[in-house]
Amino acid sequence: MTKSEASTGKPPLRTQRETCWKLRDEYFSCLEAVSIFDPTKVDTDESIQKLVKKSDCWKKKSSYEDACMTSWVDYFNKRRALEIRQRQILAETKKQSADGESEGK
């Protein structure tokens, strides 16, 4: 979906949504391959930008942003960052629980 289509107020078609999701997943996978897990930092951190530009991820980012509505891109990026933080907290909690159980024995 182009930005002009998004501004018309029409909801995206199923094929447009599927394309958006596919390109989002490809972009996020590309970021993971270069050890970047928070897509919200790509636009704000210069060192991350350089790394993304050196890889194929910059093209994938552009395709993803062109195919998806801006509000969706913002939502997906923030949700991705939140999911990663939640996984890290959960892993740390499990580790602390396991450490606590082993100390109690």
N, C-alpha and C. Protein backbone atom coordinates (compact mmCIF):
# COMPACT_ATOMS: atom_id res chain seq x y z
N MET A 1 0.85 -1.16 0.00
CA MET A 1 0.00 0.00 0.00
C MET A 1 0.90 1.22 0.00
N THR A 2 0.62 2.12 -0.91
CA THR A 2 1.40 3.36 -0.94
C THR A 2 0.86 4.32 0.09
N LYS A 3 1.65 5.33 0.39
CA LYS A 3 1.23 6.31 1.39
C LYS A 3 -0.03 7.04 0.92
N SER A 4 -0.17 7.26 -0.40
CA SER A 4 -1.35 7.95 -0.90
C SER A 4 -2.61 7.10 -0.71
N GLU A 5 -2.46 5.78 -0.87
CA GLU A 5 -3.61 4.90 -0.64
C GLU A 5 -4.01 4.93 0.82
N ALA A 6 -3.04 5.02 1.69
CA ALA A 6 -3.33 5.05 3.12
C ALA A 6 -4.06 6.33 3.51
N SER A 7 -3.75 7.41 2.81
CA SER A 7 -4.37 8.69 3.16
C SER A 7 -5.81 8.81 2.65
N THR A 8 -6.26 7.90 1.79
CA THR A 8 -7.63 7.96 1.29
C THR A 8 -8.63 7.48 2.33
N GLY A 9 -8.16 6.83 3.37
CA GLY A 9 -9.05 6.36 4.42
C GLY A 9 -9.63 4.99 4.15
N LYS A 10 -9.32 4.39 3.01
CA LYS A 10 -9.82 3.05 2.71
C LYS A 10 -8.97 2.03 3.45
N PRO A 11 -9.62 1.02 4.03
CA PRO A 11 -8.83 -0.02 4.69
C PRO A 11 -8.04 -0.82 3.65
N PRO A 12 -6.88 -1.31 4.04
CA PRO A 12 -6.07 -2.08 3.08
C PRO A 12 -6.75 -3.40 2.74
N LEU A 13 -6.54 -3.82 1.52
CA LEU A 13 -7.07 -5.11 1.07
C LEU A 13 -6.28 -6.23 1.72
N ARG A 14 -6.85 -7.42 1.70
CA ARG A 14 -6.18 -8.58 2.29
C ARG A 14 -4.79 -8.78 1.70
N THR A 15 -4.66 -8.67 0.39
CA THR A 15 -3.35 -8.87 -0.24
C THR A 15 -2.35 -7.80 0.20
N GLN A 16 -2.84 -6.57 0.41
CA GLN A 16 -1.96 -5.50 0.87
C GLN A 16 -1.51 -5.76 2.31
N ARG A 17 -2.42 -6.24 3.14
CA ARG A 17 -2.05 -6.57 4.52
C ARG A 17 -1.03 -7.71 4.54
N GLU A 18 -1.27 -8.73 3.74
CA GLU A 18 -0.35 -9.87 3.70
C GLU A 18 1.03 -9.45 3.22
N THR A 19 1.07 -8.56 2.23
CA THR A 19 2.35 -8.04 1.75
C THR A 19 3.06 -7.26 2.85
N CYS A 20 2.32 -6.43 3.54
CA CYS A 20 2.88 -5.66 4.65
C CYS A 20 3.47 -6.60 5.70
N TRP A 21 2.73 -7.60 6.12
CA TRP A 21 3.19 -8.51 7.16
C TRP A 21 4.43 -9.30 6.69
N LYS A 22 4.41 -9.71 5.43
CA LYS A 22 5.55 -10.47 4.87
C LYS A 22 6.81 -9.61 4.90
N LEU A 23 6.69 -8.37 4.43
CA LEU A 23 7.85 -7.48 4.40
C LEU A 23 8.31 -7.09 5.81
N ARG A 24 7.37 -6.94 6.73
CA ARG A 24 7.71 -6.69 8.13
C ARG A 24 8.54 -7.84 8.69
N ASP A 25 8.07 -9.06 8.46
CA ASP A 25 8.77 -10.24 8.98
C ASP A 25 10.17 -10.36 8.37
N GLU A 26 10.29 -10.08 7.08
CA GLU A 26 11.60 -10.13 6.42
C GLU A 26 12.54 -9.08 7.01
N TYR A 27 12.03 -7.89 7.25
CA TYR A 27 12.83 -6.81 7.82
C TYR A 27 13.28 -7.17 9.24
N PHE A 28 12.36 -7.64 10.06
CA PHE A 28 12.70 -8.00 11.44
C PHE A 28 13.71 -9.15 11.47
N SER A 29 13.57 -10.12 10.56
CA SER A 29 14.52 -11.23 10.48
C SER A 29 15.90 -10.72 10.08
N CYS A 30 15.92 -9.79 9.16
CA CYS A 30 17.18 -9.20 8.72
C CYS A 30 17.86 -8.48 9.89
N LEU A 31 17.08 -7.72 10.65
CA LEU A 31 17.64 -7.03 11.81
C LEU A 31 18.22 -8.03 12.81
N GLU A 32 17.50 -9.10 13.06
CA GLU A 32 17.99 -10.12 13.99
C GLU A 32 19.30 -10.72 13.50
N ALA A 33 19.42 -10.90 12.19
CA ALA A 33 20.63 -11.50 11.62
C ALA A 33 21.86 -10.64 11.88
N VAL A 34 21.67 -9.34 12.04
CA VAL A 34 22.79 -8.44 12.36
C VAL A 34 22.75 -8.02 13.83
N SER A 35 22.03 -8.80 14.63
CA SER A 35 21.95 -8.62 16.09
C SER A 35 21.33 -7.29 16.52
N ILE A 36 20.34 -6.85 15.78
CA ILE A 36 19.56 -5.67 16.17
C ILE A 36 18.15 -6.19 16.46
N PHE A 37 17.73 -6.00 17.68
CA PHE A 37 16.44 -6.57 18.06
C PHE A 37 15.36 -5.52 18.29
N ASP A 38 15.74 -4.26 18.32
CA ASP A 38 14.77 -3.19 18.56
C ASP A 38 14.69 -2.29 17.33
N PRO A 39 13.66 -2.46 16.51
CA PRO A 39 13.56 -1.65 15.28
C PRO A 39 13.32 -0.16 15.55
N THR A 40 12.89 0.19 16.75
CA THR A 40 12.66 1.60 17.05
C THR A 40 13.97 2.37 17.13
N LYS A 41 15.08 1.68 17.34
CA LYS A 41 16.38 2.34 17.46
C LYS A 41 17.04 2.61 16.11
N VAL A 42 16.53 2.02 15.05
CA VAL A 42 17.15 2.18 13.73
C VAL A 42 17.12 3.63 13.28
N ASP A 43 16.05 4.33 13.58
CA ASP A 43 15.93 5.73 13.14
C ASP A 43 16.60 6.71 14.10
N THR A 44 16.95 6.27 15.31
CA THR A 44 17.46 7.21 16.30
C THR A 44 18.93 7.01 16.67
N ASP A 45 19.47 5.83 16.43
CA ASP A 45 20.84 5.52 16.82
C ASP A 45 21.72 5.45 15.57
N GLU A 46 22.68 6.36 15.47
CA GLU A 46 23.53 6.45 14.27
C GLU A 46 24.36 5.19 14.04
N SER A 47 24.89 4.59 15.11
CA SER A 47 25.70 3.39 14.94
C SER A 47 24.85 2.23 14.41
N ILE A 48 23.61 2.15 14.88
CA ILE A 48 22.71 1.11 14.36
C ILE A 48 22.35 1.40 12.91
N GLN A 49 22.12 2.67 12.59
CA GLN A 49 21.81 3.05 11.20
C GLN A 49 22.93 2.63 10.27
N LYS A 50 24.17 2.86 10.66
CA LYS A 50 25.31 2.49 9.82
C LYS A 50 25.34 0.99 9.58
N LEU A 51 25.10 0.22 10.64
CA LEU A 51 25.08 -1.23 10.51
C LEU A 51 23.96 -1.69 9.58
N VAL A 52 22.80 -1.10 9.72
CA VAL A 52 21.65 -1.47 8.89
C VAL A 52 21.90 -1.08 7.43
N LYS A 53 22.53 0.06 7.21
CA LYS A 53 22.81 0.50 5.85
C LYS A 53 23.86 -0.38 5.17
N LYS A 54 24.79 -0.93 5.94
CA LYS A 54 25.80 -1.83 5.38
C LYS A 54 25.18 -3.16 4.96
N SER A 55 24.15 -3.56 5.64
CA SER A 55 23.49 -4.83 5.34
C SER A 55 22.36 -4.59 4.33
N ASP A 56 21.70 -5.66 3.99
CA ASP A 56 20.55 -5.58 3.08
C ASP A 56 19.31 -5.07 3.80
N CYS A 57 19.40 -4.86 5.10
CA CYS A 57 18.23 -4.48 5.91
C CYS A 57 17.68 -3.12 5.53
N TRP A 58 18.53 -2.21 5.07
CA TRP A 58 18.04 -0.87 4.75
C TRP A 58 17.02 -0.93 3.61
N LYS A 59 17.28 -1.78 2.62
CA LYS A 59 16.33 -1.95 1.51
C LYS A 59 15.04 -2.59 2.01
N LYS A 60 15.19 -3.56 2.90
CA LYS A 60 14.01 -4.23 3.46
C LYS A 60 13.19 -3.25 4.30
N LYS A 61 13.87 -2.39 5.02
CA LYS A 61 13.19 -1.36 5.82
C LYS A 61 12.37 -0.46 4.92
N SER A 62 12.96 -0.03 3.83
CA SER A 62 12.28 0.85 2.88
C SER A 62 11.05 0.16 2.28
N SER A 63 11.20 -1.09 1.89
CA SER A 63 10.08 -1.85 1.32
C SER A 63 8.96 -2.03 2.33
N TYR A 64 9.34 -2.35 3.55
CA TYR A 64 8.37 -2.53 4.64
C TYR A 64 7.61 -1.23 4.89
N GLU A 65 8.32 -0.14 4.98
CA GLU A 65 7.67 1.14 5.25
C GLU A 65 6.81 1.61 4.08
N ASP A 66 7.19 1.27 2.85
CA ASP A 66 6.38 1.63 1.69
C ASP A 66 5.11 0.79 1.59
N ALA A 67 5.19 -0.46 2.03
CA ALA A 67 4.06 -1.38 1.89
C ALA A 67 3.02 -1.24 3.00
N CYS A 68 3.44 -0.69 4.12
CA CYS A 68 2.56 -0.62 5.29
C CYS A 68 2.19 0.83 5.61
N MET A 69 1.01 1.00 6.17
CA MET A 69 0.61 2.32 6.63
C MET A 69 1.56 2.77 7.74
N THR A 70 1.81 4.05 7.82
CA THR A 70 2.73 4.60 8.81
C THR A 70 2.32 4.21 10.22
N SER A 71 1.04 4.26 10.52
CA SER A 71 0.58 3.89 11.86
C SER A 71 0.88 2.43 12.15
N TRP A 72 0.80 1.57 11.14
CA TRP A 72 1.11 0.16 11.32
C TRP A 72 2.60 -0.03 11.59
N VAL A 73 3.44 0.67 10.84
CA VAL A 73 4.89 0.58 11.02
C VAL A 73 5.24 0.98 12.45
N ASP A 74 4.69 2.09 12.90
CA ASP A 74 4.96 2.55 14.27
C ASP A 74 4.50 1.48 15.28
N TYR A 75 3.32 0.96 15.08
CA TYR A 75 2.78 -0.04 15.99
C TYR A 75 3.64 -1.31 15.99
N PHE A 76 3.95 -1.84 14.81
CA PHE A 76 4.74 -3.07 14.71
C PHE A 76 6.12 -2.89 15.35
N ASN A 77 6.76 -1.76 15.10
CA ASN A 77 8.09 -1.51 15.66
C ASN A 77 8.05 -1.44 17.18
N LYS A 78 7.08 -0.70 17.71
CA LYS A 78 6.96 -0.58 19.17
C LYS A 78 6.59 -1.91 19.81
N ARG A 79 5.70 -2.65 19.15
CA ARG A 79 5.29 -3.95 19.67
C ARG A 79 6.47 -4.91 19.69
N ARG A 80 7.27 -4.87 18.65
CA ARG A 80 8.46 -5.72 18.57
C ARG A 80 9.42 -5.42 19.72
N ALA A 81 9.66 -4.14 19.96
CA ALA A 81 10.55 -3.73 21.05
C ALA A 81 9.99 -4.19 22.39
N LEU A 82 8.69 -4.05 22.59
CA LEU A 82 8.05 -4.47 23.84
C LEU A 82 8.15 -5.98 24.02
N GLU A 83 7.91 -6.74 22.96
CA GLU A 83 7.98 -8.20 23.05
C GLU A 83 9.38 -8.65 23.45
N ILE A 84 10.39 -8.01 22.91
CA ILE A 84 11.76 -8.38 23.22
C ILE A 84 12.08 -8.06 24.68
N ARG A 85 11.65 -6.89 25.14
CA ARG A 85 11.87 -6.55 26.55
C ARG A 85 11.14 -7.54 27.47
N GLN A 86 9.93 -7.92 27.09
CA GLN A 86 9.17 -8.88 27.91
C GLN A 86 9.89 -10.23 27.96
N ARG A 87 10.42 -10.69 26.81
CA ARG A 87 11.16 -11.95 26.79
C ARG A 87 12.39 -11.89 27.67
N GLN A 88 13.10 -10.75 27.64
CA GLN A 88 14.29 -10.59 28.47
C GLN A 88 13.93 -10.62 29.95
N ILE A 89 12.85 -9.94 30.32
CA ILE A 89 12.41 -9.93 31.72
C ILE A 89 11.99 -11.32 32.15
N LEU A 90 11.25 -12.02 31.30
CA LEU A 90 10.82 -13.37 31.62
C LEU A 90 12.02 -14.30 31.80
N ALA A 91 12.99 -14.20 30.91
CA ALA A 91 14.19 -15.05 31.00
C ALA A 91 14.96 -14.74 32.29
N GLU A 92 15.08 -13.48 32.63
CA GLU A 92 15.77 -13.09 33.86
C GLU A 92 15.01 -13.60 35.09
N THR A 93 13.70 -13.51 35.06
CA THR A 93 12.88 -14.00 36.17
C THR A 93 13.05 -15.50 36.34
N LYS A 94 13.03 -16.23 35.24
CA LYS A 94 13.21 -17.69 35.30
C LYS A 94 14.59 -18.03 35.85
N LYS A 95 15.59 -17.29 35.42
CA LYS A 95 16.95 -17.52 35.90
C LYS A 95 17.04 -17.27 37.39
N GLN A 96 16.46 -16.19 37.85
CA GLN A 96 16.48 -15.87 39.27
C GLN A 96 15.72 -16.91 40.08
N SER A 97 14.61 -17.39 39.54
CA SER A 97 13.83 -18.43 40.23
C SER A 97 14.65 -19.71 40.34
N ALA A 98 15.32 -20.08 39.26
CA ALA A 98 16.14 -21.29 39.25
C ALA A 98 17.30 -21.13 40.22
N ASP A 99 17.92 -19.96 40.25
CA ASP A 99 19.03 -19.71 41.18
C ASP A 99 18.55 -19.78 42.62
N GLY A 100 17.40 -19.22 42.88
CA GLY A 100 16.83 -19.24 44.22
C GLY A 100 16.50 -20.64 44.69
N GLU A 101 15.98 -21.48 43.80
CA GLU A 101 15.65 -22.86 44.14
C GLU A 101 16.91 -23.67 44.43
N SER A 102 17.96 -23.44 43.64
CA SER A 102 19.18 -24.21 43.84
C SER A 102 19.90 -23.78 45.13
N GLU A 103 19.74 -22.54 45.55
CA GLU A 103 20.36 -22.08 46.79
C GLU A 103 19.61 -22.61 48.00
N GLY A 104 18.33 -22.82 47.84
CA GLY A 104 17.50 -23.28 48.95
C GLY A 104 17.67 -24.75 49.26
N LYS A 105 18.29 -25.49 48.41
CA LYS A 105 18.42 -26.94 48.60
C LYS A 105 19.62 -27.27 49.43
